[in-house]
Amino acid sequence: MRGYAAGMLTFAEAHAPAVPAADHAEVTRLLALGTPGVIVPPAFEEAFYRGGNLPEQLRRLFSKVRPARIDEDALEPLAAQAQALIRTSYLMDDAVQAFYRTLARASFPAGAVVRVRRPDATLGEDAPFLAPGTATLQAMKRVWAQDWTFDAVLERLDSAGSVALEARSTLLHPA
């Protein structure tokens, strides 16, 4: 599946047209500091969701939630189940290999601590980088699972009337 690697770039490879406009300033800032890293595009996360049939599973999980009358006590365990679903779902082999190849091009030193985060966040998940990058991949899935915390789901229900979300870029760089 070529689509997995199509937009995954190291910071050094990232050029204005290839990086989502909303993330360009952050990638440019990190690159100017000489920070090695990777930008994982929203399409990679979308492919993860589609490949694991996650939209349908999440739709079923939250089917009893009514945005007009949210039962927070009922929502809390659903959010925890959604987070577990994201963390335990698998990426397709092609996606994993594309991820590992991109990490290798980023030249993270072995044993370095890699921070995985969204471009608009300073905090994220840290993982030791050991080739090929399995711990870093797991950290990325934990960052994606943060979109399903109780507070994040409640915010989407309050603001958009739905639990649905848009995939976003993910940054990986030394902590």
N, C-alpha and C. Protein backbone atom coordinates (compact mmCIF):
# COMPACT_ATOMS: atom_id res chain seq x y z
N MET A 1 0.84 -1.19 0.00
CA MET A 1 0.00 0.00 0.00
C MET A 1 0.87 1.24 0.00
N ARG A 2 1.07 1.81 -1.13
CA ARG A 2 1.91 2.99 -1.26
C ARG A 2 1.39 4.18 -0.46
N GLY A 3 0.08 4.28 -0.29
CA GLY A 3 -0.51 5.43 0.38
C GLY A 3 0.00 5.65 1.79
N TYR A 4 0.44 4.59 2.45
CA TYR A 4 0.91 4.74 3.82
C TYR A 4 2.13 5.63 3.90
N ALA A 5 3.09 5.44 3.01
CA ALA A 5 4.34 6.18 3.09
C ALA A 5 4.30 7.48 2.29
N ALA A 6 3.26 7.67 1.48
CA ALA A 6 3.22 8.79 0.56
C ALA A 6 3.52 10.13 1.22
N GLY A 7 2.98 10.41 2.39
CA GLY A 7 3.19 11.70 3.00
C GLY A 7 4.03 11.66 4.25
N MET A 8 4.50 10.49 4.66
CA MET A 8 5.31 10.39 5.87
C MET A 8 6.72 10.83 5.53
N LEU A 9 7.16 11.90 6.18
CA LEU A 9 8.45 12.51 5.85
C LEU A 9 9.26 12.78 7.10
N THR A 10 10.58 12.75 6.93
CA THR A 10 11.42 13.27 8.00
C THR A 10 11.33 14.79 7.92
N PHE A 11 11.71 15.47 8.99
CA PHE A 11 11.67 16.93 8.96
C PHE A 11 12.55 17.46 7.85
N ALA A 12 13.70 16.83 7.62
CA ALA A 12 14.63 17.28 6.58
C ALA A 12 14.02 17.14 5.19
N GLU A 13 13.14 16.18 4.99
CA GLU A 13 12.49 15.97 3.69
C GLU A 13 11.25 16.83 3.51
N ALA A 14 10.75 17.37 4.60
CA ALA A 14 9.49 18.11 4.58
C ALA A 14 9.66 19.45 3.88
N HIS A 15 8.93 19.63 2.82
CA HIS A 15 8.91 20.89 2.08
C HIS A 15 7.50 21.45 2.17
N ALA A 16 7.37 22.74 2.06
CA ALA A 16 6.09 23.41 2.26
C ALA A 16 4.90 22.70 1.60
N PRO A 17 4.96 22.32 0.31
CA PRO A 17 3.78 21.71 -0.28
C PRO A 17 3.45 20.33 0.30
N ALA A 18 4.45 19.62 0.83
CA ALA A 18 4.23 18.26 1.33
C ALA A 18 3.67 18.24 2.75
N VAL A 19 3.88 19.31 3.50
CA VAL A 19 3.44 19.35 4.89
C VAL A 19 2.09 20.06 4.97
N PRO A 20 1.13 19.49 5.71
CA PRO A 20 -0.15 20.18 5.86
C PRO A 20 0.07 21.61 6.35
N ALA A 21 -0.63 22.55 5.77
CA ALA A 21 -0.42 23.98 6.07
C ALA A 21 -0.49 24.27 7.56
N ALA A 22 -1.42 23.65 8.26
CA ALA A 22 -1.57 23.92 9.69
C ALA A 22 -0.35 23.49 10.50
N ASP A 23 0.44 22.56 9.97
CA ASP A 23 1.59 22.02 10.70
C ASP A 23 2.92 22.58 10.22
N HIS A 24 2.91 23.34 9.13
CA HIS A 24 4.14 23.81 8.51
C HIS A 24 4.99 24.64 9.46
N ALA A 25 4.39 25.55 10.21
CA ALA A 25 5.16 26.42 11.11
C ALA A 25 5.88 25.61 12.17
N GLU A 26 5.23 24.61 12.75
CA GLU A 26 5.86 23.80 13.79
C GLU A 26 7.00 22.97 13.23
N VAL A 27 6.81 22.36 12.07
CA VAL A 27 7.88 21.58 11.46
C VAL A 27 9.04 22.48 11.09
N THR A 28 8.77 23.65 10.54
CA THR A 28 9.82 24.61 10.17
C THR A 28 10.60 25.05 11.41
N ARG A 29 9.89 25.31 12.51
CA ARG A 29 10.54 25.73 13.76
C ARG A 29 11.49 24.63 14.26
N LEU A 30 11.01 23.39 14.29
CA LEU A 30 11.84 22.29 14.76
C LEU A 30 13.03 22.06 13.84
N LEU A 31 12.80 22.16 12.55
CA LEU A 31 13.88 21.96 11.57
C LEU A 31 14.94 23.06 11.72
N ALA A 32 14.51 24.31 11.97
CA ALA A 32 15.45 25.42 12.15
C ALA A 32 16.32 25.21 13.40
N LEU A 33 15.80 24.49 14.37
CA LEU A 33 16.57 24.18 15.58
C LEU A 33 17.50 22.99 15.37
N GLY A 34 17.44 22.40 14.17
CA GLY A 34 18.28 21.24 13.88
C GLY A 34 17.74 19.95 14.46
N THR A 35 16.46 19.95 14.77
CA THR A 35 15.83 18.80 15.40
C THR A 35 15.50 17.74 14.36
N PRO A 36 16.01 16.52 14.52
CA PRO A 36 15.59 15.46 13.62
C PRO A 36 14.17 15.04 14.00
N GLY A 37 13.43 14.56 13.04
CA GLY A 37 12.08 14.12 13.38
C GLY A 37 11.33 13.62 12.17
N VAL A 38 10.10 13.24 12.44
CA VAL A 38 9.19 12.70 11.42
C VAL A 38 7.84 13.36 11.59
N ILE A 39 7.20 13.68 10.46
CA ILE A 39 5.82 14.11 10.48
C ILE A 39 4.99 12.99 9.84
N VAL A 40 4.06 12.48 10.63
CA VAL A 40 3.16 11.43 10.16
C VAL A 40 1.88 12.15 9.74
N PRO A 41 1.49 12.06 8.48
CA PRO A 41 0.35 12.82 7.98
C PRO A 41 -0.98 12.25 8.46
N PRO A 42 -2.03 13.07 8.41
CA PRO A 42 -3.36 12.59 8.79
C PRO A 42 -3.78 11.35 7.99
N ALA A 43 -3.37 11.25 6.74
CA ALA A 43 -3.76 10.10 5.90
C ALA A 43 -3.28 8.78 6.48
N PHE A 44 -2.14 8.79 7.17
CA PHE A 44 -1.62 7.56 7.79
C PHE A 44 -2.56 7.11 8.91
N GLU A 45 -2.98 8.07 9.74
CA GLU A 45 -3.92 7.76 10.83
C GLU A 45 -5.26 7.31 10.25
N GLU A 46 -5.73 7.98 9.20
CA GLU A 46 -7.00 7.58 8.56
C GLU A 46 -6.92 6.15 8.05
N ALA A 47 -5.79 5.80 7.45
CA ALA A 47 -5.62 4.43 6.93
C ALA A 47 -5.64 3.42 8.08
N PHE A 48 -5.06 3.78 9.22
CA PHE A 48 -5.11 2.93 10.40
C PHE A 48 -6.56 2.69 10.82
N TYR A 49 -7.34 3.74 10.90
CA TYR A 49 -8.74 3.62 11.29
C TYR A 49 -9.51 2.75 10.28
N ARG A 50 -9.34 3.03 9.01
CA ARG A 50 -10.06 2.26 7.98
C ARG A 50 -9.61 0.81 7.95
N GLY A 51 -8.30 0.57 8.03
CA GLY A 51 -7.76 -0.78 7.95
C GLY A 51 -8.23 -1.68 9.08
N GLY A 52 -8.52 -1.09 10.23
CA GLY A 52 -9.00 -1.87 11.37
C GLY A 52 -10.50 -1.80 11.55
N ASN A 53 -11.20 -1.23 10.58
CA ASN A 53 -12.65 -1.06 10.65
C ASN A 53 -13.05 -0.31 11.92
N LEU A 54 -12.20 0.60 12.36
CA LEU A 54 -12.44 1.32 13.60
C LEU A 54 -13.62 2.29 13.55
N PRO A 55 -13.86 2.97 12.42
CA PRO A 55 -15.02 3.87 12.42
C PRO A 55 -16.32 3.13 12.76
N GLU A 56 -16.51 1.95 12.20
CA GLU A 56 -17.73 1.19 12.47
C GLU A 56 -17.74 0.69 13.91
N GLN A 57 -16.61 0.21 14.40
CA GLN A 57 -16.56 -0.27 15.78
C GLN A 57 -16.83 0.86 16.77
N LEU A 58 -16.28 2.04 16.50
CA LEU A 58 -16.51 3.19 17.38
C LEU A 58 -17.95 3.68 17.28
N ARG A 59 -18.49 3.64 16.06
CA ARG A 59 -19.90 4.04 15.88
C ARG A 59 -20.79 3.15 16.73
N ARG A 60 -20.57 1.84 16.67
CA ARG A 60 -21.38 0.90 17.47
C ARG A 60 -21.16 1.13 18.96
N LEU A 61 -19.93 1.34 19.35
CA LEU A 61 -19.62 1.55 20.76
C LEU A 61 -20.38 2.75 21.33
N PHE A 62 -20.41 3.85 20.58
CA PHE A 62 -21.04 5.08 21.05
C PHE A 62 -22.48 5.25 20.57
N SER A 63 -23.08 4.21 20.02
CA SER A 63 -24.41 4.34 19.40
C SER A 63 -25.50 4.77 20.38
N LYS A 64 -25.35 4.47 21.65
CA LYS A 64 -26.39 4.82 22.63
C LYS A 64 -26.21 6.22 23.22
N VAL A 65 -25.10 6.88 22.86
CA VAL A 65 -24.84 8.22 23.38
C VAL A 65 -25.69 9.22 22.61
N ARG A 66 -26.42 10.03 23.35
CA ARG A 66 -27.26 11.06 22.75
C ARG A 66 -26.66 12.44 23.07
N PRO A 67 -26.14 13.13 22.04
CA PRO A 67 -25.49 14.43 22.28
C PRO A 67 -26.38 15.44 22.99
N ALA A 68 -27.69 15.38 22.77
CA ALA A 68 -28.59 16.34 23.40
C ALA A 68 -28.76 16.07 24.88
N ARG A 69 -28.47 14.85 25.29
CA ARG A 69 -28.67 14.46 26.70
C ARG A 69 -27.57 13.47 27.10
N ILE A 70 -26.40 13.98 27.35
CA ILE A 70 -25.23 13.14 27.60
C ILE A 70 -25.25 12.62 29.04
N ASP A 71 -25.17 11.32 29.16
CA ASP A 71 -25.05 10.67 30.46
C ASP A 71 -23.55 10.44 30.69
N GLU A 72 -22.93 11.32 31.46
CA GLU A 72 -21.49 11.26 31.66
C GLU A 72 -21.05 9.97 32.33
N ASP A 73 -21.89 9.43 33.21
CA ASP A 73 -21.55 8.16 33.87
C ASP A 73 -21.49 7.02 32.87
N ALA A 74 -22.34 7.06 31.86
CA ALA A 74 -22.33 6.03 30.82
C ALA A 74 -21.21 6.28 29.81
N LEU A 75 -20.86 7.55 29.60
CA LEU A 75 -19.84 7.91 28.62
C LEU A 75 -18.43 7.51 29.07
N GLU A 76 -18.17 7.62 30.34
CA GLU A 76 -16.81 7.37 30.85
C GLU A 76 -16.29 5.97 30.50
N PRO A 77 -17.03 4.90 30.75
CA PRO A 77 -16.50 3.57 30.38
C PRO A 77 -16.40 3.38 28.86
N LEU A 78 -17.27 4.05 28.11
CA LEU A 78 -17.19 3.95 26.64
C LEU A 78 -15.91 4.58 26.13
N ALA A 79 -15.54 5.71 26.72
CA ALA A 79 -14.29 6.38 26.33
C ALA A 79 -13.10 5.48 26.64
N ALA A 80 -13.12 4.84 27.78
CA ALA A 80 -12.03 3.92 28.15
C ALA A 80 -11.96 2.75 27.17
N GLN A 81 -13.11 2.23 26.76
CA GLN A 81 -13.14 1.14 25.79
C GLN A 81 -12.61 1.60 24.44
N ALA A 82 -12.96 2.82 24.04
CA ALA A 82 -12.49 3.36 22.76
C ALA A 82 -10.97 3.51 22.78
N GLN A 83 -10.42 4.00 23.88
CA GLN A 83 -8.97 4.14 23.99
C GLN A 83 -8.29 2.78 23.88
N ALA A 84 -8.83 1.80 24.55
CA ALA A 84 -8.25 0.45 24.48
C ALA A 84 -8.33 -0.10 23.06
N LEU A 85 -9.43 0.18 22.37
CA LEU A 85 -9.59 -0.28 20.99
C LEU A 85 -8.50 0.31 20.10
N ILE A 86 -8.22 1.59 20.25
CA ILE A 86 -7.18 2.24 19.44
C ILE A 86 -5.81 1.66 19.77
N ARG A 87 -5.53 1.52 21.06
CA ARG A 87 -4.20 1.03 21.46
C ARG A 87 -3.96 -0.42 21.04
N THR A 88 -5.00 -1.23 20.97
CA THR A 88 -4.81 -2.65 20.68
C THR A 88 -5.07 -3.03 19.23
N SER A 89 -5.50 -2.09 18.41
CA SER A 89 -5.71 -2.38 17.00
C SER A 89 -4.37 -2.38 16.28
N TYR A 90 -4.30 -3.19 15.25
CA TYR A 90 -3.05 -3.36 14.51
C TYR A 90 -3.00 -2.47 13.29
N LEU A 91 -1.80 -2.04 12.95
CA LEU A 91 -1.55 -1.40 11.67
C LEU A 91 -1.22 -2.49 10.66
N MET A 92 -1.55 -2.27 9.42
CA MET A 92 -1.21 -3.22 8.38
C MET A 92 0.32 -3.31 8.25
N ASP A 93 0.81 -4.47 7.83
CA ASP A 93 2.26 -4.69 7.71
C ASP A 93 2.94 -3.63 6.85
N ASP A 94 2.32 -3.28 5.72
CA ASP A 94 2.92 -2.27 4.85
C ASP A 94 3.07 -0.94 5.58
N ALA A 95 2.09 -0.60 6.39
CA ALA A 95 2.14 0.65 7.13
C ALA A 95 3.26 0.62 8.16
N VAL A 96 3.38 -0.50 8.86
CA VAL A 96 4.44 -0.65 9.87
C VAL A 96 5.80 -0.53 9.21
N GLN A 97 5.99 -1.19 8.09
CA GLN A 97 7.29 -1.14 7.40
C GLN A 97 7.59 0.28 6.90
N ALA A 98 6.58 0.97 6.38
CA ALA A 98 6.78 2.36 5.94
C ALA A 98 7.16 3.24 7.13
N PHE A 99 6.52 3.01 8.25
CA PHE A 99 6.82 3.77 9.47
C PHE A 99 8.27 3.52 9.89
N TYR A 100 8.68 2.27 9.94
CA TYR A 100 10.05 1.93 10.33
C TYR A 100 11.08 2.53 9.37
N ARG A 101 10.81 2.47 8.07
CA ARG A 101 11.76 3.04 7.10
C ARG A 101 11.90 4.55 7.29
N THR A 102 10.79 5.22 7.56
CA THR A 102 10.84 6.67 7.76
C THR A 102 11.60 7.00 9.05
N LEU A 103 11.38 6.22 10.10
CA LEU A 103 12.14 6.43 11.34
C LEU A 103 13.63 6.27 11.10
N ALA A 104 14.00 5.26 10.31
CA ALA A 104 15.42 5.03 10.00
C ALA A 104 16.01 6.23 9.27
N ARG A 105 15.25 6.83 8.35
CA ARG A 105 15.75 8.00 7.60
C ARG A 105 15.90 9.22 8.51
N ALA A 106 15.14 9.26 9.61
CA ALA A 106 15.22 10.41 10.52
C ALA A 106 16.49 10.40 11.35
N SER A 107 17.19 9.28 11.36
CA SER A 107 18.49 9.17 12.05
C SER A 107 18.42 9.45 13.54
N PHE A 108 17.41 8.92 14.20
CA PHE A 108 17.38 9.01 15.66
C PHE A 108 18.49 8.11 16.20
N PRO A 109 19.28 8.59 17.14
CA PRO A 109 20.31 7.71 17.71
C PRO A 109 19.66 6.60 18.54
N ALA A 110 20.23 5.41 18.49
CA ALA A 110 19.70 4.29 19.27
C ALA A 110 19.69 4.66 20.74
N GLY A 111 18.59 4.36 21.40
CA GLY A 111 18.44 4.67 22.81
C GLY A 111 17.94 6.07 23.11
N ALA A 112 17.86 6.92 22.07
CA ALA A 112 17.32 8.27 22.28
C ALA A 112 15.86 8.16 22.72
N VAL A 113 15.40 9.14 23.45
CA VAL A 113 14.00 9.19 23.82
C VAL A 113 13.28 10.03 22.78
N VAL A 114 12.27 9.43 22.17
CA VAL A 114 11.50 10.11 21.13
C VAL A 114 10.17 10.56 21.72
N ARG A 115 9.84 11.83 21.50
CA ARG A 115 8.54 12.35 21.92
C ARG A 115 7.59 12.25 20.73
N VAL A 116 6.42 11.72 20.97
CA VAL A 116 5.37 11.60 19.96
C VAL A 116 4.24 12.51 20.42
N ARG A 117 3.83 13.44 19.55
CA ARG A 117 2.80 14.40 19.94
C ARG A 117 2.09 14.96 18.73
N ARG A 118 1.00 15.63 18.98
CA ARG A 118 0.31 16.38 17.94
C ARG A 118 1.02 17.72 17.79
N PRO A 119 0.99 18.32 16.59
CA PRO A 119 1.69 19.60 16.39
C PRO A 119 1.22 20.72 17.31
N ASP A 120 -0.02 20.68 17.76
CA ASP A 120 -0.53 21.75 18.60
C ASP A 120 -0.36 21.47 20.09
N ALA A 121 0.39 20.43 20.43
CA ALA A 121 0.59 20.05 21.83
C ALA A 121 2.08 20.04 22.16
N THR A 122 2.40 20.37 23.39
CA THR A 122 3.79 20.27 23.81
C THR A 122 4.05 18.93 24.48
N LEU A 123 3.04 18.41 25.15
CA LEU A 123 3.17 17.11 25.80
C LEU A 123 2.73 16.02 24.84
N GLY A 124 3.19 14.84 25.10
CA GLY A 124 2.81 13.69 24.29
C GLY A 124 3.23 12.43 25.00
N GLU A 125 3.67 11.48 24.26
CA GLU A 125 4.16 10.22 24.80
C GLU A 125 5.63 10.08 24.44
N ASP A 126 6.43 9.69 25.39
CA ASP A 126 7.85 9.47 25.16
C ASP A 126 8.12 7.97 25.07
N ALA A 127 9.06 7.61 24.22
CA ALA A 127 9.44 6.20 24.06
C ALA A 127 10.92 6.13 23.71
N PRO A 128 11.60 5.11 24.21
CA PRO A 128 12.99 4.93 23.81
C PRO A 128 13.04 4.48 22.36
N PHE A 129 13.99 5.02 21.60
CA PHE A 129 14.10 4.58 20.21
C PHE A 129 15.08 3.43 20.12
N LEU A 130 14.57 2.28 19.82
CA LEU A 130 15.36 1.10 19.55
C LEU A 130 14.88 0.58 18.21
N ALA A 131 15.82 0.45 17.25
CA ALA A 131 15.44 0.00 15.91
C ALA A 131 14.73 -1.35 16.02
N PRO A 132 13.66 -1.56 15.29
CA PRO A 132 13.18 -0.72 14.20
C PRO A 132 12.28 0.43 14.63
N GLY A 133 11.81 0.46 15.88
CA GLY A 133 10.95 1.56 16.32
C GLY A 133 9.62 1.11 16.88
N THR A 134 9.54 -0.11 17.36
CA THR A 134 8.27 -0.64 17.87
C THR A 134 7.74 0.17 19.04
N ALA A 135 8.61 0.55 19.98
CA ALA A 135 8.17 1.34 21.12
C ALA A 135 7.64 2.71 20.67
N THR A 136 8.26 3.26 19.66
CA THR A 136 7.81 4.55 19.11
C THR A 136 6.45 4.40 18.44
N LEU A 137 6.25 3.31 17.73
CA LEU A 137 4.96 3.02 17.10
C LEU A 137 3.86 2.89 18.16
N GLN A 138 4.16 2.19 19.24
CA GLN A 138 3.18 2.05 20.32
C GLN A 138 2.88 3.40 20.97
N ALA A 139 3.90 4.25 21.11
CA ALA A 139 3.68 5.59 21.66
C ALA A 139 2.76 6.40 20.74
N MET A 140 2.92 6.23 19.43
CA MET A 140 2.05 6.95 18.49
C MET A 140 0.60 6.51 18.67
N LYS A 141 0.38 5.22 18.84
CA LYS A 141 -0.99 4.75 19.05
C LYS A 141 -1.55 5.26 20.38
N ARG A 142 -0.71 5.42 21.39
CA ARG A 142 -1.19 5.99 22.65
C ARG A 142 -1.58 7.46 22.47
N VAL A 143 -0.83 8.19 21.63
CA VAL A 143 -1.20 9.58 21.34
C VAL A 143 -2.54 9.60 20.60
N TRP A 144 -2.72 8.72 19.63
CA TRP A 144 -4.00 8.66 18.92
C TRP A 144 -5.13 8.29 19.87
N ALA A 145 -4.87 7.44 20.84
CA ALA A 145 -5.90 7.04 21.81
C ALA A 145 -6.31 8.21 22.70
N GLN A 146 -5.44 9.21 22.86
CA GLN A 146 -5.79 10.38 23.67
C GLN A 146 -6.99 11.13 23.10
N ASP A 147 -7.25 10.97 21.81
CA ASP A 147 -8.43 11.59 21.21
C ASP A 147 -9.72 10.96 21.73
N TRP A 148 -9.60 9.87 22.46
CA TRP A 148 -10.78 9.14 22.96
C TRP A 148 -10.88 9.17 24.48
N THR A 149 -10.14 10.09 25.12
CA THR A 149 -10.32 10.25 26.57
C THR A 149 -11.72 10.79 26.82
N PHE A 150 -12.18 10.63 28.02
CA PHE A 150 -13.51 11.13 28.39
C PHE A 150 -13.64 12.62 28.05
N ASP A 151 -12.64 13.42 28.46
CA ASP A 151 -12.71 14.87 28.21
C ASP A 151 -12.74 15.21 26.73
N ALA A 152 -11.92 14.49 25.92
CA ALA A 152 -11.88 14.77 24.48
C ALA A 152 -13.21 14.41 23.81
N VAL A 153 -13.78 13.28 24.18
CA VAL A 153 -15.06 12.86 23.60
C VAL A 153 -16.17 13.82 24.04
N LEU A 154 -16.19 14.18 25.32
CA LEU A 154 -17.20 15.11 25.82
C LEU A 154 -17.10 16.46 25.11
N GLU A 155 -15.87 16.93 24.90
CA GLU A 155 -15.68 18.21 24.18
C GLU A 155 -16.26 18.14 22.77
N ARG A 156 -16.00 17.02 22.05
CA ARG A 156 -16.55 16.88 20.69
C ARG A 156 -18.07 16.80 20.72
N LEU A 157 -18.62 16.10 21.69
CA LEU A 157 -20.08 16.02 21.80
C LEU A 157 -20.68 17.40 22.07
N ASP A 158 -20.04 18.16 22.95
CA ASP A 158 -20.53 19.50 23.28
C ASP A 158 -20.39 20.47 22.12
N SER A 159 -19.26 20.41 21.42
CA SER A 159 -19.00 21.40 20.36
C SER A 159 -19.56 21.00 19.00
N ALA A 160 -19.53 19.70 18.68
CA ALA A 160 -19.95 19.27 17.35
C ALA A 160 -21.18 18.37 17.36
N GLY A 161 -21.59 17.93 18.54
CA GLY A 161 -22.76 17.05 18.61
C GLY A 161 -22.48 15.64 18.13
N SER A 162 -21.21 15.26 18.10
CA SER A 162 -20.81 13.95 17.60
C SER A 162 -19.49 13.55 18.24
N VAL A 163 -19.22 12.24 18.28
CA VAL A 163 -17.93 11.77 18.78
C VAL A 163 -16.89 11.73 17.67
N ALA A 164 -17.33 11.92 16.43
CA ALA A 164 -16.43 11.83 15.27
C ALA A 164 -15.30 12.83 15.38
N LEU A 165 -14.16 12.48 14.77
CA LEU A 165 -13.02 13.38 14.78
C LEU A 165 -12.31 13.32 13.45
N GLU A 166 -11.52 14.34 13.20
CA GLU A 166 -10.68 14.41 12.01
C GLU A 166 -9.29 13.90 12.38
N ALA A 167 -8.72 13.11 11.51
CA ALA A 167 -7.33 12.68 11.73
C ALA A 167 -6.43 13.91 11.65
N ARG A 168 -5.34 13.87 12.40
CA ARG A 168 -4.40 14.99 12.41
C ARG A 168 -2.99 14.45 12.28
N SER A 169 -2.08 15.35 11.96
CA SER A 169 -0.68 14.97 11.88
C SER A 169 -0.15 14.60 13.25
N THR A 170 0.92 13.82 13.23
CA THR A 170 1.61 13.43 14.45
C THR A 170 3.10 13.72 14.24
N LEU A 171 3.74 14.33 15.22
CA LEU A 171 5.17 14.63 15.14
C LEU A 171 5.95 13.69 16.05
N LEU A 172 7.13 13.32 15.60
CA LEU A 172 8.06 12.48 16.37
C LEU A 172 9.39 13.20 16.35
N HIS A 173 9.96 13.47 17.50
CA HIS A 173 11.25 14.15 17.59
C HIS A 173 11.88 13.83 18.94
N PRO A 174 13.17 14.12 19.11
CA PRO A 174 13.81 13.85 20.40
C PRO A 174 13.11 14.60 21.52
N ALA A 175 12.98 13.93 22.66
CA ALA A 175 12.31 14.55 23.81
C ALA A 175 13.21 15.59 24.46
